[in-house]
PDBML (XML) file of the C-alpha atoms, coordinates in Angstrom:
<?xml version="1.0" encoding="UTF-8" ?>
<PDBx:datablock datablockName="MODEL"
   xmlns:PDBx="http://pdbml.pdb.org/schema/pdbx-v50.xsd"
   xmlns:xsi="http://www.w3.org/2001/XMLSchema-instance"
   xsi:schemaLocation="http://pdbml.pdb.org/schema/pdbx-v50.xsd pdbx-v50.xsd">
   <PDBx:atom_siteCategory>
      <PDBx:atom_site id="1">
         <PDBx:B_iso_or_equiv>0.00</PDBx:B_iso_or_equiv>
         <PDBx:Cartn_x>10.113</PDBx:Cartn_x>
         <PDBx:Cartn_y>25.697</PDBx:Cartn_y>
         <PDBx:Cartn_z>-18.353</PDBx:Cartn_z>
         <PDBx:auth_asym_id>A</PDBx:auth_asym_id>
         <PDBx:auth_atom_id>CA</PDBx:auth_atom_id>
         <PDBx:auth_comp_id>PHE</PDBx:auth_comp_id>
         <PDBx:auth_seq_id>1</PDBx:auth_seq_id>
         <PDBx:group_PDB>ATOM</PDBx:group_PDB>
         <PDBx:label_alt_id xsi:nil="true" />
         <PDBx:label_asym_id>A</PDBx:label_asym_id>
         <PDBx:label_atom_id>CA</PDBx:label_atom_id>
         <PDBx:label_comp_id>PHE</PDBx:label_comp_id>
         <PDBx:label_entity_id>1</PDBx:label_entity_id>
         <PDBx:label_seq_id>1</PDBx:label_seq_id>
         <PDBx:occupancy>1.00</PDBx:occupancy>
         <PDBx:pdbx_PDB_model_num>1</PDBx:pdbx_PDB_model_num>
         <PDBx:type_symbol>C</PDBx:type_symbol>
      </PDBx:atom_site>
      <PDBx:atom_site id="2">
         <PDBx:B_iso_or_equiv>0.00</PDBx:B_iso_or_equiv>
         <PDBx:Cartn_x>13.899</PDBx:Cartn_x>
         <PDBx:Cartn_y>26.657</PDBx:Cartn_y>
         <PDBx:Cartn_z>-17.390</PDBx:Cartn_z>
         <PDBx:auth_asym_id>A</PDBx:auth_asym_id>
         <PDBx:auth_atom_id>CA</PDBx:auth_atom_id>
         <PDBx:auth_comp_id>TRP</PDBx:auth_comp_id>
         <PDBx:auth_seq_id>2</PDBx:auth_seq_id>
         <PDBx:group_PDB>ATOM</PDBx:group_PDB>
         <PDBx:label_alt_id xsi:nil="true" />
         <PDBx:label_asym_id>A</PDBx:label_asym_id>
         <PDBx:label_atom_id>CA</PDBx:label_atom_id>
         <PDBx:label_comp_id>TRP</PDBx:label_comp_id>
         <PDBx:label_entity_id>1</PDBx:label_entity_id>
         <PDBx:label_seq_id>2</PDBx:label_seq_id>
         <PDBx:occupancy>1.00</PDBx:occupancy>
         <PDBx:pdbx_PDB_model_num>1</PDBx:pdbx_PDB_model_num>
         <PDBx:type_symbol>C</PDBx:type_symbol>
      </PDBx:atom_site>
      <PDBx:atom_site id="3">
         <PDBx:B_iso_or_equiv>0.00</PDBx:B_iso_or_equiv>
         <PDBx:Cartn_x>14.486</PDBx:Cartn_x>
         <PDBx:Cartn_y>23.010</PDBx:Cartn_y>
         <PDBx:Cartn_z>-16.466</PDBx:Cartn_z>
         <PDBx:auth_asym_id>A</PDBx:auth_asym_id>
         <PDBx:auth_atom_id>CA</PDBx:auth_atom_id>
         <PDBx:auth_comp_id>GLY</PDBx:auth_comp_id>
         <PDBx:auth_seq_id>3</PDBx:auth_seq_id>
         <PDBx:group_PDB>ATOM</PDBx:group_PDB>
         <PDBx:label_alt_id xsi:nil="true" />
         <PDBx:label_asym_id>A</PDBx:label_asym_id>
         <PDBx:label_atom_id>CA</PDBx:label_atom_id>
         <PDBx:label_comp_id>GLY</PDBx:label_comp_id>
         <PDBx:label_entity_id>1</PDBx:label_entity_id>
         <PDBx:label_seq_id>3</PDBx:label_seq_id>
         <PDBx:occupancy>1.00</PDBx:occupancy>
         <PDBx:pdbx_PDB_model_num>1</PDBx:pdbx_PDB_model_num>
         <PDBx:type_symbol>C</PDBx:type_symbol>
      </PDBx:atom_site>
      <PDBx:atom_site id="4">
         <PDBx:B_iso_or_equiv>0.00</PDBx:B_iso_or_equiv>
         <PDBx:Cartn_x>13.483</PDBx:Cartn_x>
         <PDBx:Cartn_y>21.885</PDBx:Cartn_y>
         <PDBx:Cartn_z>-19.723</PDBx:Cartn_z>
         <PDBx:auth_asym_id>A</PDBx:auth_asym_id>
         <PDBx:auth_atom_id>CA</PDBx:auth_atom_id>
         <PDBx:auth_comp_id>ILE</PDBx:auth_comp_id>
         <PDBx:auth_seq_id>4</PDBx:auth_seq_id>
         <PDBx:group_PDB>ATOM</PDBx:group_PDB>
         <PDBx:label_alt_id xsi:nil="true" />
         <PDBx:label_asym_id>A</PDBx:label_asym_id>
         <PDBx:label_atom_id>CA</PDBx:label_atom_id>
         <PDBx:label_comp_id>ILE</PDBx:label_comp_id>
         <PDBx:label_entity_id>1</PDBx:label_entity_id>
         <PDBx:label_seq_id>4</PDBx:label_seq_id>
         <PDBx:occupancy>1.00</PDBx:occupancy>
         <PDBx:pdbx_PDB_model_num>1</PDBx:pdbx_PDB_model_num>
         <PDBx:type_symbol>C</PDBx:type_symbol>
      </PDBx:atom_site>
      <PDBx:atom_site id="5">
         <PDBx:B_iso_or_equiv>0.00</PDBx:B_iso_or_equiv>
         <PDBx:Cartn_x>15.493</PDBx:Cartn_x>
         <PDBx:Cartn_y>24.634</PDBx:Cartn_y>
         <PDBx:Cartn_z>-21.527</PDBx:Cartn_z>
         <PDBx:auth_asym_id>A</PDBx:auth_asym_id>
         <PDBx:auth_atom_id>CA</PDBx:auth_atom_id>
         <PDBx:auth_comp_id>MET</PDBx:auth_comp_id>
         <PDBx:auth_seq_id>5</PDBx:auth_seq_id>
         <PDBx:group_PDB>ATOM</PDBx:group_PDB>
         <PDBx:label_alt_id xsi:nil="true" />
         <PDBx:label_asym_id>A</PDBx:label_asym_id>
         <PDBx:label_atom_id>CA</PDBx:label_atom_id>
         <PDBx:label_comp_id>MET</PDBx:label_comp_id>
         <PDBx:label_entity_id>1</PDBx:label_entity_id>
         <PDBx:label_seq_id>5</PDBx:label_seq_id>
         <PDBx:occupancy>1.00</PDBx:occupancy>
         <PDBx:pdbx_PDB_model_num>1</PDBx:pdbx_PDB_model_num>
         <PDBx:type_symbol>C</PDBx:type_symbol>
      </PDBx:atom_site>
      <PDBx:atom_site id="6">
         <PDBx:B_iso_or_equiv>0.00</PDBx:B_iso_or_equiv>
         <PDBx:Cartn_x>18.603</PDBx:Cartn_x>
         <PDBx:Cartn_y>23.624</PDBx:Cartn_y>
         <PDBx:Cartn_z>-19.270</PDBx:Cartn_z>
         <PDBx:auth_asym_id>A</PDBx:auth_asym_id>
         <PDBx:auth_atom_id>CA</PDBx:auth_atom_id>
         <PDBx:auth_comp_id>PHE</PDBx:auth_comp_id>
         <PDBx:auth_seq_id>6</PDBx:auth_seq_id>
         <PDBx:group_PDB>ATOM</PDBx:group_PDB>
         <PDBx:label_alt_id xsi:nil="true" />
         <PDBx:label_asym_id>A</PDBx:label_asym_id>
         <PDBx:label_atom_id>CA</PDBx:label_atom_id>
         <PDBx:label_comp_id>PHE</PDBx:label_comp_id>
         <PDBx:label_entity_id>1</PDBx:label_entity_id>
         <PDBx:label_seq_id>6</PDBx:label_seq_id>
         <PDBx:occupancy>1.00</PDBx:occupancy>
         <PDBx:pdbx_PDB_model_num>1</PDBx:pdbx_PDB_model_num>
         <PDBx:type_symbol>C</PDBx:type_symbol>
      </PDBx:atom_site>
      <PDBx:atom_site id="7">
         <PDBx:B_iso_or_equiv>0.00</PDBx:B_iso_or_equiv>
         <PDBx:Cartn_x>18.107</PDBx:Cartn_x>
         <PDBx:Cartn_y>19.904</PDBx:Cartn_y>
         <PDBx:Cartn_z>-19.243</PDBx:Cartn_z>
         <PDBx:auth_asym_id>A</PDBx:auth_asym_id>
         <PDBx:auth_atom_id>CA</PDBx:auth_atom_id>
         <PDBx:auth_comp_id>SER</PDBx:auth_comp_id>
         <PDBx:auth_seq_id>7</PDBx:auth_seq_id>
         <PDBx:group_PDB>ATOM</PDBx:group_PDB>
         <PDBx:label_alt_id xsi:nil="true" />
         <PDBx:label_asym_id>A</PDBx:label_asym_id>
         <PDBx:label_atom_id>CA</PDBx:label_atom_id>
         <PDBx:label_comp_id>SER</PDBx:label_comp_id>
         <PDBx:label_entity_id>1</PDBx:label_entity_id>
         <PDBx:label_seq_id>7</PDBx:label_seq_id>
         <PDBx:occupancy>1.00</PDBx:occupancy>
         <PDBx:pdbx_PDB_model_num>1</PDBx:pdbx_PDB_model_num>
         <PDBx:type_symbol>C</PDBx:type_symbol>
      </PDBx:atom_site>
      <PDBx:atom_site id="8">
         <PDBx:B_iso_or_equiv>0.00</PDBx:B_iso_or_equiv>
         <PDBx:Cartn_x>17.662</PDBx:Cartn_x>
         <PDBx:Cartn_y>19.552</PDBx:Cartn_y>
         <PDBx:Cartn_z>-15.403</PDBx:Cartn_z>
         <PDBx:auth_asym_id>A</PDBx:auth_asym_id>
         <PDBx:auth_atom_id>CA</PDBx:auth_atom_id>
         <PDBx:auth_comp_id>SER</PDBx:auth_comp_id>
         <PDBx:auth_seq_id>8</PDBx:auth_seq_id>
         <PDBx:group_PDB>ATOM</PDBx:group_PDB>
         <PDBx:label_alt_id xsi:nil="true" />
         <PDBx:label_asym_id>A</PDBx:label_asym_id>
         <PDBx:label_atom_id>CA</PDBx:label_atom_id>
         <PDBx:label_comp_id>SER</PDBx:label_comp_id>
         <PDBx:label_entity_id>1</PDBx:label_entity_id>
         <PDBx:label_seq_id>8</PDBx:label_seq_id>
         <PDBx:occupancy>1.00</PDBx:occupancy>
         <PDBx:pdbx_PDB_model_num>1</PDBx:pdbx_PDB_model_num>
         <PDBx:type_symbol>C</PDBx:type_symbol>
      </PDBx:atom_site>
      <PDBx:atom_site id="9">
         <PDBx:B_iso_or_equiv>0.00</PDBx:B_iso_or_equiv>
         <PDBx:Cartn_x>15.521</PDBx:Cartn_x>
         <PDBx:Cartn_y>16.659</PDBx:Cartn_y>
         <PDBx:Cartn_z>-14.090</PDBx:Cartn_z>
         <PDBx:auth_asym_id>A</PDBx:auth_asym_id>
         <PDBx:auth_atom_id>CA</PDBx:auth_atom_id>
         <PDBx:auth_comp_id>TYR</PDBx:auth_comp_id>
         <PDBx:auth_seq_id>9</PDBx:auth_seq_id>
         <PDBx:group_PDB>ATOM</PDBx:group_PDB>
         <PDBx:label_alt_id xsi:nil="true" />
         <PDBx:label_asym_id>A</PDBx:label_asym_id>
         <PDBx:label_atom_id>CA</PDBx:label_atom_id>
         <PDBx:label_comp_id>TYR</PDBx:label_comp_id>
         <PDBx:label_entity_id>1</PDBx:label_entity_id>
         <PDBx:label_seq_id>9</PDBx:label_seq_id>
         <PDBx:occupancy>1.00</PDBx:occupancy>
         <PDBx:pdbx_PDB_model_num>1</PDBx:pdbx_PDB_model_num>
         <PDBx:type_symbol>C</PDBx:type_symbol>
      </PDBx:atom_site>
      <PDBx:atom_site id="10">
         <PDBx:B_iso_or_equiv>0.00</PDBx:B_iso_or_equiv>
         <PDBx:Cartn_x>16.039</PDBx:Cartn_x>
         <PDBx:Cartn_y>16.253</PDBx:Cartn_y>
         <PDBx:Cartn_z>-10.338</PDBx:Cartn_z>
         <PDBx:auth_asym_id>A</PDBx:auth_asym_id>
         <PDBx:auth_atom_id>CA</PDBx:auth_atom_id>
         <PDBx:auth_comp_id>PHE</PDBx:auth_comp_id>
         <PDBx:auth_seq_id>10</PDBx:auth_seq_id>
         <PDBx:group_PDB>ATOM</PDBx:group_PDB>
         <PDBx:label_alt_id xsi:nil="true" />
         <PDBx:label_asym_id>A</PDBx:label_asym_id>
         <PDBx:label_atom_id>CA</PDBx:label_atom_id>
         <PDBx:label_comp_id>PHE</PDBx:label_comp_id>
         <PDBx:label_entity_id>1</PDBx:label_entity_id>
         <PDBx:label_seq_id>10</PDBx:label_seq_id>
         <PDBx:occupancy>1.00</PDBx:occupancy>
         <PDBx:pdbx_PDB_model_num>1</PDBx:pdbx_PDB_model_num>
         <PDBx:type_symbol>C</PDBx:type_symbol>
      </PDBx:atom_site>
      <PDBx:atom_site id="11">
         <PDBx:B_iso_or_equiv>0.00</PDBx:B_iso_or_equiv>
         <PDBx:Cartn_x>19.624</PDBx:Cartn_x>
         <PDBx:Cartn_y>17.549</PDBx:Cartn_y>
         <PDBx:Cartn_z>-11.145</PDBx:Cartn_z>
         <PDBx:auth_asym_id>A</PDBx:auth_asym_id>
         <PDBx:auth_atom_id>CA</PDBx:auth_atom_id>
         <PDBx:auth_comp_id>GLY</PDBx:auth_comp_id>
         <PDBx:auth_seq_id>11</PDBx:auth_seq_id>
         <PDBx:group_PDB>ATOM</PDBx:group_PDB>
         <PDBx:label_alt_id xsi:nil="true" />
         <PDBx:label_asym_id>A</PDBx:label_asym_id>
         <PDBx:label_atom_id>CA</PDBx:label_atom_id>
         <PDBx:label_comp_id>GLY</PDBx:label_comp_id>
         <PDBx:label_entity_id>1</PDBx:label_entity_id>
         <PDBx:label_seq_id>11</PDBx:label_seq_id>
         <PDBx:occupancy>1.00</PDBx:occupancy>
         <PDBx:pdbx_PDB_model_num>1</PDBx:pdbx_PDB_model_num>
         <PDBx:type_symbol>C</PDBx:type_symbol>
      </PDBx:atom_site>
      <PDBx:atom_site id="12">
         <PDBx:B_iso_or_equiv>0.00</PDBx:B_iso_or_equiv>
         <PDBx:Cartn_x>21.462</PDBx:Cartn_x>
         <PDBx:Cartn_y>14.744</PDBx:Cartn_y>
         <PDBx:Cartn_z>-12.874</PDBx:Cartn_z>
         <PDBx:auth_asym_id>A</PDBx:auth_asym_id>
         <PDBx:auth_atom_id>CA</PDBx:auth_atom_id>
         <PDBx:auth_comp_id>ASN</PDBx:auth_comp_id>
         <PDBx:auth_seq_id>12</PDBx:auth_seq_id>
         <PDBx:group_PDB>ATOM</PDBx:group_PDB>
         <PDBx:label_alt_id xsi:nil="true" />
         <PDBx:label_asym_id>A</PDBx:label_asym_id>
         <PDBx:label_atom_id>CA</PDBx:label_atom_id>
         <PDBx:label_comp_id>ASN</PDBx:label_comp_id>
         <PDBx:label_entity_id>1</PDBx:label_entity_id>
         <PDBx:label_seq_id>12</PDBx:label_seq_id>
         <PDBx:occupancy>1.00</PDBx:occupancy>
         <PDBx:pdbx_PDB_model_num>1</PDBx:pdbx_PDB_model_num>
         <PDBx:type_symbol>C</PDBx:type_symbol>
      </PDBx:atom_site>
      <PDBx:atom_site id="13">
         <PDBx:B_iso_or_equiv>0.00</PDBx:B_iso_or_equiv>
         <PDBx:Cartn_x>19.209</PDBx:Cartn_x>
         <PDBx:Cartn_y>11.997</PDBx:Cartn_y>
         <PDBx:Cartn_z>-11.537</PDBx:Cartn_z>
         <PDBx:auth_asym_id>A</PDBx:auth_asym_id>
         <PDBx:auth_atom_id>CA</PDBx:auth_atom_id>
         <PDBx:auth_comp_id>ALA</PDBx:auth_comp_id>
         <PDBx:auth_seq_id>13</PDBx:auth_seq_id>
         <PDBx:group_PDB>ATOM</PDBx:group_PDB>
         <PDBx:label_alt_id xsi:nil="true" />
         <PDBx:label_asym_id>A</PDBx:label_asym_id>
         <PDBx:label_atom_id>CA</PDBx:label_atom_id>
         <PDBx:label_comp_id>ALA</PDBx:label_comp_id>
         <PDBx:label_entity_id>1</PDBx:label_entity_id>
         <PDBx:label_seq_id>13</PDBx:label_seq_id>
         <PDBx:occupancy>1.00</PDBx:occupancy>
         <PDBx:pdbx_PDB_model_num>1</PDBx:pdbx_PDB_model_num>
         <PDBx:type_symbol>C</PDBx:type_symbol>
      </PDBx:atom_site>
      <PDBx:atom_site id="14">
         <PDBx:B_iso_or_equiv>0.00</PDBx:B_iso_or_equiv>
         <PDBx:Cartn_x>18.210</PDBx:Cartn_x>
         <PDBx:Cartn_y>10.681</PDBx:Cartn_y>
         <PDBx:Cartn_z>-14.913</PDBx:Cartn_z>
         <PDBx:auth_asym_id>A</PDBx:auth_asym_id>
         <PDBx:auth_atom_id>CA</PDBx:auth_atom_id>
         <PDBx:auth_comp_id>VAL</PDBx:auth_comp_id>
         <PDBx:auth_seq_id>14</PDBx:auth_seq_id>
         <PDBx:group_PDB>ATOM</PDBx:group_PDB>
         <PDBx:label_alt_id xsi:nil="true" />
         <PDBx:label_asym_id>A</PDBx:label_asym_id>
         <PDBx:label_atom_id>CA</PDBx:label_atom_id>
         <PDBx:label_comp_id>VAL</PDBx:label_comp_id>
         <PDBx:label_entity_id>1</PDBx:label_entity_id>
         <PDBx:label_seq_id>14</PDBx:label_seq_id>
         <PDBx:occupancy>1.00</PDBx:occupancy>
         <PDBx:pdbx_PDB_model_num>1</PDBx:pdbx_PDB_model_num>
         <PDBx:type_symbol>C</PDBx:type_symbol>
      </PDBx:atom_site>
      <PDBx:atom_site id="15">
         <PDBx:B_iso_or_equiv>0.00</PDBx:B_iso_or_equiv>
         <PDBx:Cartn_x>22.014</PDBx:Cartn_x>
         <PDBx:Cartn_y>10.195</PDBx:Cartn_y>
         <PDBx:Cartn_z>-15.985</PDBx:Cartn_z>
         <PDBx:auth_asym_id>A</PDBx:auth_asym_id>
         <PDBx:auth_atom_id>CA</PDBx:auth_atom_id>
         <PDBx:auth_comp_id>ASP</PDBx:auth_comp_id>
         <PDBx:auth_seq_id>15</PDBx:auth_seq_id>
         <PDBx:group_PDB>ATOM</PDBx:group_PDB>
         <PDBx:label_alt_id xsi:nil="true" />
         <PDBx:label_asym_id>A</PDBx:label_asym_id>
         <PDBx:label_atom_id>CA</PDBx:label_atom_id>
         <PDBx:label_comp_id>ASP</PDBx:label_comp_id>
         <PDBx:label_entity_id>1</PDBx:label_entity_id>
         <PDBx:label_seq_id>15</PDBx:label_seq_id>
         <PDBx:occupancy>1.00</PDBx:occupancy>
         <PDBx:pdbx_PDB_model_num>1</PDBx:pdbx_PDB_model_num>
         <PDBx:type_symbol>C</PDBx:type_symbol>
      </PDBx:atom_site>
      <PDBx:atom_site id="16">
         <PDBx:B_iso_or_equiv>0.00</PDBx:B_iso_or_equiv>
         <PDBx:Cartn_x>22.883</PDBx:Cartn_x>
         <PDBx:Cartn_y>8.514</PDBx:Cartn_y>
         <PDBx:Cartn_z>-12.517</PDBx:Cartn_z>
         <PDBx:auth_asym_id>A</PDBx:auth_asym_id>
         <PDBx:auth_atom_id>CA</PDBx:auth_atom_id>
         <PDBx:auth_comp_id>VAL</PDBx:auth_comp_id>
         <PDBx:auth_seq_id>16</PDBx:auth_seq_id>
         <PDBx:group_PDB>ATOM</PDBx:group_PDB>
         <PDBx:label_alt_id xsi:nil="true" />
         <PDBx:label_asym_id>A</PDBx:label_asym_id>
         <PDBx:label_atom_id>CA</PDBx:label_atom_id>
         <PDBx:label_comp_id>VAL</PDBx:label_comp_id>
         <PDBx:label_entity_id>1</PDBx:label_entity_id>
         <PDBx:label_seq_id>16</PDBx:label_seq_id>
         <PDBx:occupancy>1.00</PDBx:occupancy>
         <PDBx:pdbx_PDB_model_num>1</PDBx:pdbx_PDB_model_num>
         <PDBx:type_symbol>C</PDBx:type_symbol>
      </PDBx:atom_site>
      <PDBx:atom_site id="17">
         <PDBx:B_iso_or_equiv>0.00</PDBx:B_iso_or_equiv>
         <PDBx:Cartn_x>20.070</PDBx:Cartn_x>
         <PDBx:Cartn_y>6.163</PDBx:Cartn_y>
         <PDBx:Cartn_z>-12.440</PDBx:Cartn_z>
         <PDBx:auth_asym_id>A</PDBx:auth_asym_id>
         <PDBx:auth_atom_id>CA</PDBx:auth_atom_id>
         <PDBx:auth_comp_id>ILE</PDBx:auth_comp_id>
         <PDBx:auth_seq_id>17</PDBx:auth_seq_id>
         <PDBx:group_PDB>ATOM</PDBx:group_PDB>
         <PDBx:label_alt_id xsi:nil="true" />
         <PDBx:label_asym_id>A</PDBx:label_asym_id>
         <PDBx:label_atom_id>CA</PDBx:label_atom_id>
         <PDBx:label_comp_id>ILE</PDBx:label_comp_id>
         <PDBx:label_entity_id>1</PDBx:label_entity_id>
         <PDBx:label_seq_id>17</PDBx:label_seq_id>
         <PDBx:occupancy>1.00</PDBx:occupancy>
         <PDBx:pdbx_PDB_model_num>1</PDBx:pdbx_PDB_model_num>
         <PDBx:type_symbol>C</PDBx:type_symbol>
      </PDBx:atom_site>
      <PDBx:atom_site id="18">
         <PDBx:B_iso_or_equiv>0.00</PDBx:B_iso_or_equiv>
         <PDBx:Cartn_x>20.603</PDBx:Cartn_x>
         <PDBx:Cartn_y>5.140</PDBx:Cartn_y>
         <PDBx:Cartn_z>-16.071</PDBx:Cartn_z>
         <PDBx:auth_asym_id>A</PDBx:auth_asym_id>
         <PDBx:auth_atom_id>CA</PDBx:auth_atom_id>
         <PDBx:auth_comp_id>ALA</PDBx:auth_comp_id>
         <PDBx:auth_seq_id>18</PDBx:auth_seq_id>
         <PDBx:group_PDB>ATOM</PDBx:group_PDB>
         <PDBx:label_alt_id xsi:nil="true" />
         <PDBx:label_asym_id>A</PDBx:label_asym_id>
         <PDBx:label_atom_id>CA</PDBx:label_atom_id>
         <PDBx:label_comp_id>ALA</PDBx:label_comp_id>
         <PDBx:label_entity_id>1</PDBx:label_entity_id>
         <PDBx:label_seq_id>18</PDBx:label_seq_id>
         <PDBx:occupancy>1.00</PDBx:occupancy>
         <PDBx:pdbx_PDB_model_num>1</PDBx:pdbx_PDB_model_num>
         <PDBx:type_symbol>C</PDBx:type_symbol>
      </PDBx:atom_site>
      <PDBx:atom_site id="19">
         <PDBx:B_iso_or_equiv>0.00</PDBx:B_iso_or_equiv>
         <PDBx:Cartn_x>24.283</PDBx:Cartn_x>
         <PDBx:Cartn_y>4.449</PDBx:Cartn_y>
         <PDBx:Cartn_z>-15.738</PDBx:Cartn_z>
         <PDBx:auth_asym_id>A</PDBx:auth_asym_id>
         <PDBx:auth_atom_id>CA</PDBx:auth_atom_id>
         <PDBx:auth_comp_id>SER</PDBx:auth_comp_id>
         <PDBx:auth_seq_id>19</PDBx:auth_seq_id>
         <PDBx:group_PDB>ATOM</PDBx:group_PDB>
         <PDBx:label_alt_id xsi:nil="true" />
         <PDBx:label_asym_id>A</PDBx:label_asym_id>
         <PDBx:label_atom_id>CA</PDBx:label_atom_id>
         <PDBx:label_comp_id>SER</PDBx:label_comp_id>
         <PDBx:label_entity_id>1</PDBx:label_entity_id>
         <PDBx:label_seq_id>19</PDBx:label_seq_id>
         <PDBx:occupancy>1.00</PDBx:occupancy>
         <PDBx:pdbx_PDB_model_num>1</PDBx:pdbx_PDB_model_num>
         <PDBx:type_symbol>C</PDBx:type_symbol>
      </PDBx:atom_site>
      <PDBx:atom_site id="20">
         <PDBx:B_iso_or_equiv>0.00</PDBx:B_iso_or_equiv>
         <PDBx:Cartn_x>24.282</PDBx:Cartn_x>
         <PDBx:Cartn_y>2.776</PDBx:Cartn_y>
         <PDBx:Cartn_z>-12.180</PDBx:Cartn_z>
         <PDBx:auth_asym_id>A</PDBx:auth_asym_id>
         <PDBx:auth_atom_id>CA</PDBx:auth_atom_id>
         <PDBx:auth_comp_id>VAL</PDBx:auth_comp_id>
         <PDBx:auth_seq_id>20</PDBx:auth_seq_id>
         <PDBx:group_PDB>ATOM</PDBx:group_PDB>
         <PDBx:label_alt_id xsi:nil="true" />
         <PDBx:label_asym_id>A</PDBx:label_asym_id>
         <PDBx:label_atom_id>CA</PDBx:label_atom_id>
         <PDBx:label_comp_id>VAL</PDBx:label_comp_id>
         <PDBx:label_entity_id>1</PDBx:label_entity_id>
         <PDBx:label_seq_id>20</PDBx:label_seq_id>
         <PDBx:occupancy>1.00</PDBx:occupancy>
         <PDBx:pdbx_PDB_model_num>1</PDBx:pdbx_PDB_model_num>
         <PDBx:type_symbol>C</PDBx:type_symbol>
      </PDBx:atom_site>
      <PDBx:atom_site id="21">
         <PDBx:B_iso_or_equiv>0.00</PDBx:B_iso_or_equiv>
         <PDBx:Cartn_x>20.947</PDBx:Cartn_x>
         <PDBx:Cartn_y>0.599</PDBx:Cartn_y>
         <PDBx:Cartn_z>-12.450</PDBx:Cartn_z>
         <PDBx:auth_asym_id>A</PDBx:auth_asym_id>
         <PDBx:auth_atom_id>CA</PDBx:auth_atom_id>
         <PDBx:auth_comp_id>PHE</PDBx:auth_comp_id>
         <PDBx:auth_seq_id>21</PDBx:auth_seq_id>
         <PDBx:group_PDB>ATOM</PDBx:group_PDB>
         <PDBx:label_alt_id xsi:nil="true" />
         <PDBx:label_asym_id>A</PDBx:label_asym_id>
         <PDBx:label_atom_id>CA</PDBx:label_atom_id>
         <PDBx:label_comp_id>PHE</PDBx:label_comp_id>
         <PDBx:label_entity_id>1</PDBx:label_entity_id>
         <PDBx:label_seq_id>21</PDBx:label_seq_id>
         <PDBx:occupancy>1.00</PDBx:occupancy>
         <PDBx:pdbx_PDB_model_num>1</PDBx:pdbx_PDB_model_num>
         <PDBx:type_symbol>C</PDBx:type_symbol>
      </PDBx:atom_site>
      <PDBx:atom_site id="22">
         <PDBx:B_iso_or_equiv>0.00</PDBx:B_iso_or_equiv>
         <PDBx:Cartn_x>20.890</PDBx:Cartn_x>
         <PDBx:Cartn_y>0.068</PDBx:Cartn_y>
         <PDBx:Cartn_z>-16.207</PDBx:Cartn_z>
         <PDBx:auth_asym_id>A</PDBx:auth_asym_id>
         <PDBx:auth_atom_id>CA</PDBx:auth_atom_id>
         <PDBx:auth_comp_id>PHE</PDBx:auth_comp_id>
         <PDBx:auth_seq_id>22</PDBx:auth_seq_id>
         <PDBx:group_PDB>ATOM</PDBx:group_PDB>
         <PDBx:label_alt_id xsi:nil="true" />
         <PDBx:label_asym_id>A</PDBx:label_asym_id>
         <PDBx:label_atom_id>CA</PDBx:label_atom_id>
         <PDBx:label_comp_id>PHE</PDBx:label_comp_id>
         <PDBx:label_entity_id>1</PDBx:label_entity_id>
         <PDBx:label_seq_id>22</PDBx:label_seq_id>
         <PDBx:occupancy>1.00</PDBx:occupancy>
         <PDBx:pdbx_PDB_model_num>1</PDBx:pdbx_PDB_model_num>
         <PDBx:type_symbol>C</PDBx:type_symbol>
      </PDBx:atom_site>
      <PDBx:atom_site id="23">
         <PDBx:B_iso_or_equiv>0.00</PDBx:B_iso_or_equiv>
         <PDBx:Cartn_x>24.414</PDBx:Cartn_x>
         <PDBx:Cartn_y>0.475</PDBx:Cartn_y>
         <PDBx:Cartn_z>-17.344</PDBx:Cartn_z>
         <PDBx:auth_asym_id>A</PDBx:auth_asym_id>
         <PDBx:auth_atom_id>CA</PDBx:auth_atom_id>
         <PDBx:auth_comp_id>GLY</PDBx:auth_comp_id>
         <PDBx:auth_seq_id>23</PDBx:auth_seq_id>
         <PDBx:group_PDB>ATOM</PDBx:group_PDB>
         <PDBx:label_alt_id xsi:nil="true" />
         <PDBx:label_asym_id>A</PDBx:label_asym_id>
         <PDBx:label_atom_id>CA</PDBx:label_atom_id>
         <PDBx:label_comp_id>GLY</PDBx:label_comp_id>
         <PDBx:label_entity_id>1</PDBx:label_entity_id>
         <PDBx:label_seq_id>23</PDBx:label_seq_id>
         <PDBx:occupancy>1.00</PDBx:occupancy>
         <PDBx:pdbx_PDB_model_num>1</PDBx:pdbx_PDB_model_num>
         <PDBx:type_symbol>C</PDBx:type_symbol>
      </PDBx:atom_site>
      <PDBx:atom_site id="24">
         <PDBx:B_iso_or_equiv>0.00</PDBx:B_iso_or_equiv>
         <PDBx:Cartn_x>23.489</PDBx:Cartn_x>
         <PDBx:Cartn_y>2.849</PDBx:Cartn_y>
         <PDBx:Cartn_z>-20.184</PDBx:Cartn_z>
         <PDBx:auth_asym_id>A</PDBx:auth_asym_id>
         <PDBx:auth_atom_id>CA</PDBx:auth_atom_id>
         <PDBx:auth_comp_id>THR</PDBx:auth_comp_id>
         <PDBx:auth_seq_id>24</PDBx:auth_seq_id>
         <PDBx:group_PDB>ATOM</PDBx:group_PDB>
         <PDBx:label_alt_id xsi:nil="true" />
         <PDBx:label_asym_id>A</PDBx:label_asym_id>
         <PDBx:label_atom_id>CA</PDBx:label_atom_id>
         <PDBx:label_comp_id>THR</PDBx:label_comp_id>
         <PDBx:label_entity_id>1</PDBx:label_entity_id>
         <PDBx:label_seq_id>24</PDBx:label_seq_id>
         <PDBx:occupancy>1.00</PDBx:occupancy>
         <PDBx:pdbx_PDB_model_num>1</PDBx:pdbx_PDB_model_num>
         <PDBx:type_symbol>C</PDBx:type_symbol>
      </PDBx:atom_site>
   </PDBx:atom_siteCategory>
</PDBx:datablock>
């Protein structure tokens, strides 16, 4: 619940994976 409220999904793994592997 608190992870959704604060936008934390394995830390900032979603942002890093998207920018490094998909360039977006």
